[in-house]
Structure formats: structure tokens, C-alpha cells
Amino acid sequence: MAKVLSDQLGTEPIGKLLVKQAVPAGIGILVMSLNVLVDSIFVGNWIGSIAIAAISVVLPITFFIAALGMAIGVGGSSILSRALGANQKEKALKTFGNQISLTLLVTTTMMMVGLYYTDSLIPLFGGKGAIFSVARVYYIIILYGVPLLGFTMMGNNVMRAEGKPKFAMFGLILPSVVNLLADYIFIYVLDMGMAGAAWATTLSYAVSAVYVALFFLYGPSELKINTGHLAFKSSILREIGSLGFVTLSRQAVVSSTYLLMNNILFNLGGEAMIAVYAIIGRILMFALFPIFGVTQGFLPIAGFNYGAAYYSRVKESINKAVWYACVLGSLIFLGLMLFPDVITGLFLSNQPHQSADEQAMNQFVLANTPNAIRWVFAATPIIALQLIGAAYFQAIGKAIPALLLTLTRQGFFFIPLILLLPNFFGELGVWLSFPIADVLATIVTGYYLRKEIKSTLEVPKG
């Protein structure tokens, strides 16, 4: 496999480079999303809809802790890309060392806090009624592996910042394959139920962490650090924190959204409505993988070329990333509008061991999910501008606008809408909140991105 060197980020044609970066990132996200999707299909078909609802309750808690690693990875990778672009190798090494130390310290601490407050957090995120006991089993086992997931997510972002997207892709594919194989063995063959699903996922986190560690220790990474690089440096920590806070804030808002959604939907329709949203959440993770791939591929290109002061290349990368992602978003939109019933049917089937209540709940979920899918994904063709716009400010190290644009969709529009619209439209109000928030956030992001391009990228630098 040909090695992609970081300096090629500033020399290769943007279109070719974006494809080279985005395709492996997209494939990696695809496989990871397929992992979550198939995992939910296995759990739904082999255990039941109550198990899907339980996973929906647990994921925002555990993913928030793991997102600390992603936040440190993204924040540090912005520094890395610009440092490599400016040929500041020692700064890049020190940044990476600080990322490792900070990730392990923070995620392990949060894991311990999460375990201590287990019985309080699960009901808070919608794990009520019949969901609680099932979610508790899954939550405790998953939380043990969260520091490993945080380390993996941090390392994966650094791989892309180095210009090695294929290795980052394999870092997402490997644990996904392990998880699916372990799911079959633990759930289907050994009949371990939710504990089996949890141990399969935790095992996949461990495998992915080992892969990332081996890449940096013995693989083709340019970042060969020593123990001195692991010692914290306050200036680097502040910069990682300010940029990583953007990603962390995004995940915090996502977790808050799950908290509100699960509680609002429980009040509207009980456990069955949470199961509907759980399926939609899995589809959201899976269906948008090409757009997320373009966004991830765009980040190191924009950061490197901005650090090297190649402003025309930065502008070209923005235009092409938005165009590519919009085309992909339109194709996703067509598939979801035409086949929501088929997609929903993949997740559930009635089994002989299930009670009459469980089978009735399955039928409710199958009947109500397709219409919700159409509303939730109604604005998919235009969301690329939101993602690329916020990613641009993060890539160039402008933390405040990156933070504000990241929070625009979920925090400033979506959360107020889901608190307001269900009072007038019931369940439909929940689903209407998605496209309305997407449209409003796209308008705001487009305005500020255009303004930034005119003031920064189109003005010659002295």
C-alpha cells in the first residue's frame, strides 16, 4: 500500500486529494456505522425491541465519555495539521504526546464517575420501566471499554492529520468486524443476551486500541514520540482544549438531545416510542456516512493548506467538499424517501420466545417508524453545508466560530423546537423539529462561511 505523506496535502490537486482522503474516511465510517446498524439488527431480532431501546438509552452516556477522546483527537489534529504544514515537527510531536496523556486521564476518570452514578444516569436518559434492568446490564459492561474507545477515536483523528487515511480506515473496520463476529458468538451461539452484546462491543474497543497503539509504535507514523512528549505543556493543552471543546460540545448537545428525546417520547408513547427513535438514531449514524467521510477528509486538507498559507487551495477545498457532500446527500435522501418500510423491517421480527406484549410493541414500532424516517431526513440534501462550514473553522484553529456553528443546529434550533412543537403536534412535532432545525442551521452556517471566505481567503496576505 502506498504511503500518503503529510506534505502531499499541500501539493496534490484538491479534487484528487479530497477523494483520496474522503473515500477511506467514508469507508471507515461506513463499516463502523454498519457495525452499529447490524448490531442493532442482531439485538432487535434475537432479543427484541426493548433491547434496542435500552441501547438507545446507554449510547449517549457512553459516547459522551468516549467523545472526550474524539475531542482531544480533533483539537490536537488541527494543531498537528497546521504544525506539519508549517514544518514544525517538534510541536507536532509534543501535541501528540499531550493528546495521549490527556485522553487516558480524562476518559478513565469519567468512566469511574459513570460507574458510580449508574442507577441515576440510566433513568435520567430515558431508561425507565421495562428498559431499566436491560439497559443497566449493557451500560456497566460497555463503560469498562470506554477509555479504550476514547484512545482509538483520538488516534484515528491523528492518523488522518498525518495524511494516512487508509490506516485510519482500517482502524475503524477492524473493531467493526470483531464486534459483529463476537455478536454472533455471544448472543446467538452462547445465548448471553444483552451481556453478550455488551461484551462483544467492549472486546471490539480493546482490539481497536491495540491496533492504534501498534500503528504509532511500530507502524509508518511520522510521530515517533518519547516519554518527554507525554508531559503536559500548558500552551498546547489550552489550544487542544479550545478546539476540542467544539467537538465535545457537539457530543454534549447530542447527549442532551437523547436525554430530552427519550423522555419526551416516553411520555408520548412509552417504551415503544423510544424504540422508534432508537432505530432512527441507528439510521442517522449509518445513512450519512458519505457526508461524514467528506467532512473528515476535508479537515486535514484545509488545516494543512491554511497552515502553509495556500489560501486558494483552502477555498477550493471548501467548494469541492460542499459540492461532493451535497450530491451524496441527495442520493441518500432518495433512498430513504423511497424505502423507509424496507429499512425499518430489517431491525425487527417477532420470535417464538417473545411475549404477546413484546410482539405488540414490535408491530407498533414497525408501523410508526417509516413516516418518522421521512420527516427526520427531509432536509438531508442541504446538511453538507452545515458540516463543512463548522469543520472549516475548526480546521483553521478558530475555536469560537467553530463552536457556535457546531451548536447552531442542535443547541440553538433543535432543542427549543422539540420542547415546543410536541405541545402542538404531539409525536409529529418531534419529527418536524429535525428538518426545520436543519434548514435554519444551514442558512446561518452558509452566511458566516461566505463572510469568512471573503474576508480571509480572498484577501492577499502581506
Protein backbone atom coordinates (compact mmCIF):
# COMPACT_ATOMS: atom_id res chain seq x y z
CA MET A 1 0.00 0.00 0.00
CA ALA A 2 1.40 3.38 -0.98
CA LYS A 3 2.08 5.65 1.95
CA VAL A 4 0.39 9.06 1.90
CA LEU A 5 2.86 11.64 3.21
CA SER A 6 1.66 14.72 5.01
CA ASP A 7 3.35 17.14 2.58
CA GLN A 8 1.18 15.82 -0.26
CA LEU A 9 -1.71 17.66 1.40
CA GLY A 10 -0.21 20.87 0.03
CA THR A 11 0.77 19.71 -3.47
CA GLU A 12 -1.73 17.27 -4.98
CA PRO A 13 -4.80 18.54 -6.89
CA ILE A 14 -7.62 19.27 -4.44
CA GLY A 15 -10.21 17.08 -6.16
CA LYS A 16 -7.92 14.06 -6.24
CA LEU A 17 -6.72 14.73 -2.71
CA LEU A 18 -10.25 15.09 -1.35
CA VAL A 19 -11.22 11.75 -2.87
CA LYS A 20 -8.04 10.14 -1.52
CA GLN A 21 -8.81 11.44 1.97
CA ALA A 22 -12.60 11.15 1.95
CA VAL A 23 -13.04 7.66 0.48
CA PRO A 24 -11.04 5.83 3.19
CA ALA A 25 -12.64 8.00 5.87
CA GLY A 26 -16.08 7.29 4.39
CA ILE A 27 -15.41 3.56 4.17
CA GLY A 28 -14.19 3.51 7.75
CA ILE A 29 -17.27 5.39 8.93
CA LEU A 30 -19.44 3.12 6.78
CA VAL A 31 -18.07 -0.03 8.36
CA MET A 32 -18.30 1.48 11.84
CA SER A 33 -21.87 2.57 11.12
CA LEU A 34 -22.69 -0.83 9.64
CA ASN A 35 -21.34 -2.28 12.86
CA VAL A 36 -23.81 -0.21 14.91
CA LEU A 37 -26.59 -0.91 12.41
CA VAL A 38 -26.07 -4.68 12.24
CA ASP A 39 -25.51 -4.79 15.99
CA SER A 40 -28.94 -3.22 16.43
CA ILE A 41 -30.44 -5.63 13.88
CA PHE A 42 -28.97 -8.61 15.77
CA VAL A 43 -30.18 -7.29 19.11
CA GLY A 44 -33.64 -6.44 17.74
CA ASN A 45 -34.15 -9.78 16.05
CA TRP A 46 -32.52 -12.02 18.66
CA ILE A 47 -33.51 -10.18 21.86
CA GLY A 48 -36.31 -7.73 20.98
CA SER A 49 -37.34 -4.09 20.60
CA ILE A 50 -36.88 -3.45 24.32
CA ALA A 51 -33.18 -4.22 23.85
CA ILE A 52 -32.91 -1.67 21.01
CA ALA A 53 -34.50 0.91 23.28
CA ALA A 54 -32.01 0.03 26.04
CA ILE A 55 -29.04 0.59 23.72
CA SER A 56 -30.51 3.95 22.71
CA VAL A 57 -30.55 4.94 26.39
CA VAL A 58 -26.97 3.85 27.06
CA LEU A 59 -25.20 5.14 23.93
CA PRO A 60 -25.40 8.89 24.64
CA ILE A 61 -23.87 8.39 28.08
CA THR A 62 -21.00 6.16 27.00
CA PHE A 63 -20.39 8.03 23.73
CA PHE A 64 -20.12 11.32 25.59
CA ILE A 65 -17.25 9.90 27.65
CA ALA A 66 -15.64 8.39 24.55
CA ALA A 67 -16.17 11.70 22.75
CA LEU A 68 -13.67 13.23 25.16
CA GLY A 69 -11.07 11.20 23.26
CA MET A 70 -12.50 12.33 19.94
CA ALA A 71 -12.50 15.96 21.11
CA ILE A 72 -8.85 15.71 22.14
CA GLY A 73 -8.10 13.98 18.83
CA VAL A 74 -9.84 16.58 16.68
CA GLY A 75 -8.50 19.54 18.66
CA GLY A 76 -4.94 18.22 18.64
CA SER A 77 -5.17 17.17 15.00
CA SER A 78 -5.97 20.73 13.98
CA ILE A 79 -2.71 21.79 15.68
CA LEU A 80 -0.88 18.84 14.12
CA SER A 81 -2.05 19.59 10.57
CA ARG A 82 -1.02 23.25 10.83
CA ALA A 83 2.29 22.37 12.52
CA LEU A 84 3.15 19.85 9.81
CA GLY A 85 2.15 22.38 7.15
CA ALA A 86 4.48 24.95 8.76
CA ASN A 87 7.26 22.31 9.18
CA GLN A 88 7.14 22.49 12.99
CA LYS A 89 7.84 18.81 13.70
CA GLU A 90 8.69 19.15 17.40
CA LYS A 91 5.42 20.95 18.11
CA ALA A 92 3.56 18.14 16.34
CA LEU A 93 5.29 15.51 18.48
CA LYS A 94 4.62 17.37 21.72
CA THR A 95 0.99 17.84 20.74
CA PHE A 96 0.53 14.13 20.08
CA GLY A 97 2.17 13.17 23.38
CA ASN A 98 -0.15 15.53 25.25
CA GLN A 99 -3.14 14.06 23.41
CA ILE A 100 -2.30 10.55 24.63
CA SER A 101 -1.82 11.56 28.27
CA LEU A 102 -4.90 13.76 28.36
CA THR A 103 -7.15 11.18 26.70
CA LEU A 104 -6.26 8.37 29.09
CA LEU A 105 -6.52 10.59 32.16
CA VAL A 106 -9.87 12.16 31.31
CA THR A 107 -11.69 9.09 29.94
CA THR A 108 -10.62 6.85 32.83
CA THR A 109 -11.78 9.44 35.37
CA MET A 110 -15.12 9.85 33.63
CA MET A 111 -15.58 6.08 33.40
CA MET A 112 -15.23 5.82 37.17
CA VAL A 113 -17.73 8.64 37.70
CA GLY A 114 -20.14 6.99 35.23
CA LEU A 115 -19.97 3.68 37.09
CA TYR A 116 -20.56 5.36 40.44
CA TYR A 117 -23.75 7.08 39.21
CA THR A 118 -25.10 4.14 37.18
CA ASP A 119 -28.53 3.96 38.80
CA SER A 120 -29.08 7.71 38.48
CA LEU A 121 -27.90 8.20 34.89
CA ILE A 122 -29.88 5.41 33.22
CA PRO A 123 -33.37 6.69 34.24
CA LEU A 124 -32.26 10.26 33.50
CA PHE A 125 -31.62 9.30 29.86
CA GLY A 126 -34.97 7.55 29.47
CA GLY A 127 -34.15 4.12 30.90
CA LYS A 128 -37.44 3.76 32.73
CA GLY A 129 -39.96 0.97 33.15
CA ALA A 130 -39.00 -2.28 31.47
CA ILE A 131 -35.96 -0.64 29.86
CA PHE A 132 -34.04 -0.02 33.10
CA SER A 133 -32.81 -3.51 34.01
CA VAL A 134 -31.84 -4.36 30.43
CA ALA A 135 -30.02 -1.05 29.96
CA ARG A 136 -28.15 -1.45 33.26
CA VAL A 137 -26.62 -4.76 32.20
CA TYR A 138 -25.44 -3.27 28.90
CA TYR A 139 -24.23 0.01 30.42
CA ILE A 140 -21.89 -1.38 33.08
CA ILE A 141 -20.03 -3.71 30.72
CA ILE A 142 -19.76 -1.11 27.94
CA LEU A 143 -18.37 1.51 30.30
CA TYR A 144 -15.32 -0.64 31.09
CA GLY A 145 -14.24 -0.32 27.47
CA VAL A 146 -14.95 3.37 27.02
CA PRO A 147 -11.35 4.58 27.77
CA LEU A 148 -10.14 2.22 25.04
CA LEU A 149 -12.70 3.67 22.64
CA GLY A 150 -11.63 7.20 23.58
CA PHE A 151 -7.97 6.35 22.85
CA THR A 152 -8.97 4.85 19.50
CA MET A 153 -11.01 7.86 18.47
CA MET A 154 -8.16 10.19 19.40
CA GLY A 155 -5.61 8.13 17.46
CA ASN A 156 -7.84 7.81 14.41
CA ASN A 157 -8.04 11.59 14.04
CA VAL A 158 -4.26 11.86 14.34
CA MET A 159 -3.78 9.28 11.57
CA ARG A 160 -5.86 11.44 9.23
CA ALA A 161 -4.00 14.58 10.31
CA GLU A 162 -0.77 12.86 9.25
CA GLY A 163 -2.24 12.23 5.81
CA LYS A 164 -2.67 8.47 6.32
CA PRO A 165 -6.41 7.96 5.79
CA LYS A 166 -6.16 4.29 4.76
CA PHE A 167 -4.69 3.32 8.11
CA ALA A 168 -7.42 5.31 9.84
CA MET A 169 -9.96 3.43 7.71
CA PHE A 170 -8.60 0.04 8.82
CA GLY A 171 -8.71 1.32 12.40
CA LEU A 172 -12.49 1.59 12.05
CA ILE A 173 -13.01 -1.58 10.00
CA LEU A 174 -11.12 -3.96 12.32
CA PRO A 175 -13.16 -3.45 15.51
CA SER A 176 -16.36 -3.45 13.49
CA VAL A 177 -15.62 -6.89 12.11
CA VAL A 178 -14.62 -8.14 15.56
CA ASN A 179 -17.83 -6.82 17.08
CA LEU A 180 -20.08 -8.47 14.51
CA LEU A 181 -18.34 -11.85 14.85
CA ALA A 182 -18.45 -11.60 18.65
CA ASP A 183 -22.14 -10.60 18.49
CA TYR A 184 -22.95 -13.82 16.64
CA ILE A 185 -20.98 -15.94 19.11
CA PHE A 186 -22.04 -14.24 22.35
CA ILE A 187 -25.70 -13.52 21.53
CA TYR A 188 -26.75 -16.23 19.10
CA VAL A 189 -24.46 -19.19 19.88
CA LEU A 190 -23.88 -18.70 23.63
CA ASP A 191 -27.27 -17.05 24.28
CA MET A 192 -25.77 -14.39 26.58
CA GLY A 193 -28.45 -11.79 25.76
CA MET A 194 -27.65 -8.15 26.48
CA ALA A 195 -24.49 -9.07 28.38
CA GLY A 196 -23.27 -10.81 25.22
CA ALA A 197 -23.97 -7.73 23.10
CA ALA A 198 -22.07 -5.57 25.59
CA TRP A 199 -19.04 -7.85 25.85
CA ALA A 200 -18.85 -8.08 22.06
CA THR A 201 -18.69 -4.30 21.81
CA THR A 202 -16.15 -3.95 24.63
CA LEU A 203 -13.94 -6.59 23.01
CA SER A 204 -14.03 -4.61 19.75
CA TYR A 205 -12.90 -1.47 21.62
CA ALA A 206 -9.89 -3.38 23.01
CA VAL A 207 -8.89 -4.66 19.57
CA SER A 208 -9.12 -1.19 18.04
CA ALA A 209 -6.99 0.32 20.83
CA VAL A 210 -4.27 -2.28 20.25
CA TYR A 211 -4.28 -1.52 16.50
CA VAL A 212 -3.89 2.23 17.10
CA ALA A 213 -1.06 1.70 19.60
CA LEU A 214 0.82 -0.60 17.19
CA PHE A 215 0.44 1.93 14.34
CA PHE A 216 2.16 4.69 16.30
CA LEU A 217 4.76 2.47 17.98
CA TYR A 218 5.85 0.28 15.07
CA GLY A 219 3.91 1.44 12.01
CA PRO A 220 4.52 4.14 9.38
CA SER A 221 3.56 7.07 11.61
CA GLU A 222 5.81 10.15 11.42
CA LEU A 223 5.00 10.86 15.07
CA LYS A 224 7.54 8.78 16.97
CA ILE A 225 7.33 10.26 20.44
CA ASN A 226 9.37 9.67 23.58
CA THR A 227 8.32 9.82 27.21
CA GLY A 228 9.22 13.50 27.40
CA HIS A 229 6.49 14.32 24.90
CA LEU A 230 3.89 12.84 27.27
CA ALA A 231 4.45 15.53 29.91
CA PHE A 232 1.74 18.18 29.81
CA LYS A 233 2.55 21.57 28.29
CA SER A 234 0.05 24.24 29.26
CA SER A 235 0.05 26.16 25.96
CA ILE A 236 -0.68 23.01 23.97
CA LEU A 237 -3.33 21.86 26.44
CA ARG A 238 -5.09 25.22 26.14
CA GLU A 239 -5.12 25.01 22.35
CA ILE A 240 -6.27 21.37 22.36
CA GLY A 241 -8.94 22.30 24.86
CA SER A 242 -10.24 25.32 22.97
CA LEU A 243 -10.50 23.44 19.67
CA GLY A 244 -11.53 20.11 21.16
CA PHE A 245 -14.25 21.83 23.14
CA VAL A 246 -16.06 22.28 19.82
CA THR A 247 -16.31 18.52 19.29
CA LEU A 248 -17.07 17.88 22.96
CA SER A 249 -19.80 20.49 22.95
CA ARG A 250 -21.33 18.87 19.90
CA GLN A 251 -21.43 15.50 21.63
CA ALA A 252 -22.71 17.06 24.85
CA VAL A 253 -25.59 18.60 22.92
CA VAL A 254 -26.22 15.26 21.17
CA SER A 255 -26.33 13.50 24.55
CA SER A 256 -28.65 16.20 25.89
CA THR A 257 -30.83 15.72 22.83
CA TYR A 258 -31.09 11.99 23.52
CA LEU A 259 -31.99 12.76 27.12
CA LEU A 260 -34.80 15.09 26.05
CA MET A 261 -35.98 12.94 23.16
CA ASN A 262 -36.14 9.74 25.16
CA ASN A 263 -38.09 11.40 27.96
CA ILE A 264 -40.45 13.29 25.62
CA LEU A 265 -41.12 10.19 23.54
CA PHE A 266 -41.59 8.02 26.66
CA ASN A 267 -44.30 10.43 27.79
CA LEU A 268 -45.91 10.32 24.34
CA GLY A 269 -45.86 6.57 23.76
CA GLY A 270 -43.80 4.68 26.35
CA GLU A 271 -41.01 2.22 25.58
CA ALA A 272 -42.24 1.67 22.02
CA MET A 273 -41.66 5.30 21.03
CA ILE A 274 -38.11 5.15 22.39
CA ALA A 275 -37.56 2.07 20.22
CA VAL A 276 -38.76 4.05 17.16
CA TYR A 277 -36.22 6.77 17.90
CA ALA A 278 -33.52 4.15 18.55
CA ILE A 279 -33.95 2.81 15.01
CA ILE A 280 -33.86 6.32 13.56
CA GLY A 281 -30.70 7.02 15.55
CA ARG A 282 -29.01 3.96 14.05
CA ILE A 283 -30.07 5.07 10.55
CA LEU A 284 -28.73 8.58 11.22
CA MET A 285 -25.34 7.09 12.06
CA PHE A 286 -25.33 4.84 9.00
CA ALA A 287 -27.03 6.74 6.21
CA LEU A 288 -24.95 9.90 6.45
CA PHE A 289 -21.58 8.14 6.32
CA PRO A 290 -20.60 9.55 2.87
CA ILE A 291 -21.16 13.12 4.07
CA PHE A 292 -19.21 12.47 7.27
CA GLY A 293 -16.47 10.89 5.15
CA VAL A 294 -16.14 14.02 3.01
CA THR A 295 -16.08 16.16 6.16
CA GLN A 296 -13.34 14.05 7.76
CA GLY A 297 -11.35 14.06 4.52
CA PHE A 298 -11.69 17.82 4.25
CA LEU A 299 -10.32 18.62 7.73
CA PRO A 300 -6.60 17.79 7.24
CA ILE A 301 -6.57 19.33 3.74
CA ALA A 302 -7.98 22.64 4.96
CA GLY A 303 -5.79 22.68 8.09
CA PHE A 304 -2.53 21.85 6.29
CA ASN A 305 -3.04 24.34 3.46
CA TYR A 306 -4.15 27.09 5.84
CA GLY A 307 -1.03 26.50 7.92
CA ALA A 308 1.08 26.68 4.75
CA ALA A 309 -0.75 29.90 3.64
CA TYR A 310 -2.07 28.27 0.43
CA TYR A 311 -5.34 30.16 0.64
CA SER A 312 -6.55 29.47 -2.89
CA ARG A 313 -6.28 25.74 -2.16
CA VAL A 314 -8.24 26.18 1.08
CA LYS A 315 -11.06 27.93 -0.79
CA GLU A 316 -11.07 25.26 -3.50
CA SER A 317 -11.23 22.51 -0.87
CA ILE A 318 -14.30 24.16 0.71
CA ASN A 319 -16.13 24.44 -2.61
CA LYS A 320 -15.41 20.89 -3.71
CA ALA A 321 -16.15 19.36 -0.31
CA VAL A 322 -19.56 21.08 -0.16
CA TRP A 323 -20.37 20.06 -3.74
CA TYR A 324 -19.36 16.41 -3.29
CA ALA A 325 -21.24 16.12 0.01
CA CYS A 326 -24.41 17.74 -1.37
CA VAL A 327 -24.55 15.28 -4.26
CA LEU A 328 -24.12 12.36 -1.87
CA GLY A 329 -26.75 13.80 0.47
CA SER A 330 -29.26 13.95 -2.38
CA LEU A 331 -28.73 10.27 -3.20
CA ILE A 332 -29.18 9.31 0.45
CA PHE A 333 -32.37 11.37 0.56
CA LEU A 334 -33.88 9.48 -2.39
CA GLY A 335 -33.16 6.08 -0.86
CA LEU A 336 -34.69 6.98 2.49
CA MET A 337 -37.79 8.55 0.98
CA LEU A 338 -38.46 5.57 -1.31
CA PHE A 339 -37.71 2.62 1.02
CA PRO A 340 -38.41 3.52 4.69
CA ASP A 341 -40.60 0.43 5.23
CA VAL A 342 -37.93 -1.93 3.94
CA ILE A 343 -35.28 -0.28 6.10
CA THR A 344 -37.45 -0.45 9.23
CA GLY A 345 -38.24 -4.10 8.61
CA LEU A 346 -34.56 -5.02 8.87
CA PHE A 347 -34.48 -4.22 12.58
CA LEU A 348 -37.30 -6.29 14.00
CA SER A 349 -39.01 -9.63 13.65
CA ASN A 350 -41.29 -11.50 16.05
CA GLN A 351 -39.73 -14.57 17.66
CA PRO A 352 -41.49 -17.54 19.29
CA HIS A 353 -39.88 -16.83 22.68
CA GLN A 354 -41.29 -13.29 22.80
CA SER A 355 -44.38 -12.48 24.84
CA ALA A 356 -47.57 -11.07 23.33
CA ASP A 357 -46.68 -7.65 24.74
CA GLU A 358 -43.25 -7.74 23.11
CA GLN A 359 -44.75 -8.75 19.76
CA ALA A 360 -47.34 -5.97 20.00
CA MET A 361 -44.56 -3.49 20.71
CA ASN A 362 -42.67 -4.73 17.65
CA GLN A 363 -45.74 -4.16 15.48
CA PHE A 364 -46.15 -0.62 16.81
CA VAL A 365 -42.52 0.19 16.02
CA LEU A 366 -42.77 -1.28 12.50
CA ALA A 367 -45.92 0.75 11.80
CA ASN A 368 -44.72 4.12 13.11
CA THR A 369 -41.04 4.29 12.13
CA PRO A 370 -41.30 4.75 8.30
CA ASN A 371 -43.23 8.01 8.47
CA ALA A 372 -40.82 9.32 11.11
CA ILE A 373 -37.88 8.48 8.84
CA ARG A 374 -39.32 10.60 6.02
CA TRP A 375 -39.65 13.65 8.27
CA VAL A 376 -36.31 13.27 10.04
CA PHE A 377 -34.34 13.06 6.78
CA ALA A 378 -36.36 15.59 4.78
CA ALA A 379 -33.53 18.15 4.66
CA THR A 380 -30.67 15.71 4.03
CA PRO A 381 -29.57 17.22 0.64
CA ILE A 382 -28.53 20.51 2.27
CA ILE A 383 -26.89 19.45 5.54
CA ALA A 384 -23.44 19.23 3.92
CA LEU A 385 -23.04 22.99 4.20
CA GLN A 386 -23.57 22.82 7.97
CA LEU A 387 -20.93 20.16 8.48
CA ILE A 388 -18.29 21.51 6.11
CA GLY A 389 -18.77 25.07 7.36
CA ALA A 390 -18.29 24.20 11.03
CA ALA A 391 -15.39 21.85 10.17
CA TYR A 392 -13.58 24.63 8.27
CA PHE A 393 -13.38 26.92 11.29
CA GLN A 394 -12.20 24.02 13.43
CA ALA A 395 -9.54 23.04 10.88
CA ILE A 396 -8.01 26.53 10.80
CA GLY A 397 -7.97 26.91 14.58
CA LYS A 398 -10.81 29.41 15.04
CA ALA A 399 -12.47 27.82 18.02
CA ILE A 400 -15.23 30.32 18.83
CA PRO A 401 -16.96 30.40 15.41
CA ALA A 402 -16.45 26.63 15.11
CA LEU A 403 -18.15 26.15 18.48
CA LEU A 404 -21.06 28.46 17.69
CA LEU A 405 -21.73 26.90 14.28
CA THR A 406 -21.43 23.40 15.73
CA LEU A 407 -24.07 24.25 18.34
CA THR A 408 -26.35 26.07 15.90
CA ARG A 409 -28.30 23.08 14.66
CA GLN A 410 -28.68 21.00 17.82
CA GLY A 411 -28.42 23.60 20.56
CA PHE A 412 -29.86 26.82 19.18
CA PHE A 413 -32.62 25.38 16.99
CA PHE A 414 -33.34 21.69 17.54
CA ILE A 415 -33.63 21.56 21.33
CA PRO A 416 -36.01 24.57 21.52
CA LEU A 417 -38.09 23.05 18.71
CA ILE A 418 -38.52 19.64 20.38
CA LEU A 419 -39.52 21.39 23.59
CA LEU A 420 -42.12 23.50 21.75
CA LEU A 421 -43.59 21.63 18.77
CA PRO A 422 -44.77 18.43 20.56
CA ASN A 423 -47.08 20.63 22.64
CA PHE A 424 -48.98 21.48 19.44
CA PHE A 425 -48.42 18.48 17.16
CA GLY A 426 -47.65 15.60 19.51
CA GLU A 427 -45.37 12.92 18.08
CA LEU A 428 -45.31 14.65 14.68
CA GLY A 429 -43.86 17.76 16.33
CA VAL A 430 -40.82 15.74 17.40
CA TRP A 431 -40.09 14.59 13.86
CA LEU A 432 -40.81 18.02 12.32
CA SER A 433 -38.10 19.51 14.53
CA PHE A 434 -35.38 17.71 12.55
CA PRO A 435 -35.83 19.28 9.07
CA ILE A 436 -36.73 22.72 10.44
CA ALA A 437 -33.52 22.79 12.51
CA ASP A 438 -31.50 21.59 9.50
CA VAL A 439 -32.81 24.35 7.24
CA LEU A 440 -32.25 27.11 9.80
CA ALA A 441 -28.74 25.91 10.68
CA THR A 442 -27.76 25.66 7.01
CA ILE A 443 -28.81 29.25 6.38
CA VAL A 444 -26.79 30.54 9.35
CA THR A 445 -23.69 28.46 8.51
CA GLY A 446 -23.78 29.48 4.85
CA TYR A 447 -23.89 33.15 5.78
CA TYR A 448 -20.89 33.01 8.12
CA LEU A 449 -18.83 30.72 5.88
CA ARG A 450 -19.30 33.05 2.90
CA LYS A 451 -18.35 36.02 5.06
CA GLU A 452 -15.19 34.27 6.28
CA ILE A 453 -14.12 33.29 2.76
CA LYS A 454 -14.45 36.88 1.55
CA SER A 455 -12.59 38.41 4.49
CA THR A 456 -9.79 35.84 4.87
CA LEU A 457 -9.24 33.64 1.85
CA GLU A 458 -9.85 36.23 -0.85
CA VAL A 459 -7.66 38.96 0.69
CA PRO A 460 -3.94 38.76 -0.30
CA LYS A 461 -1.65 38.32 2.69
CA GLY A 462 1.30 40.64 3.04
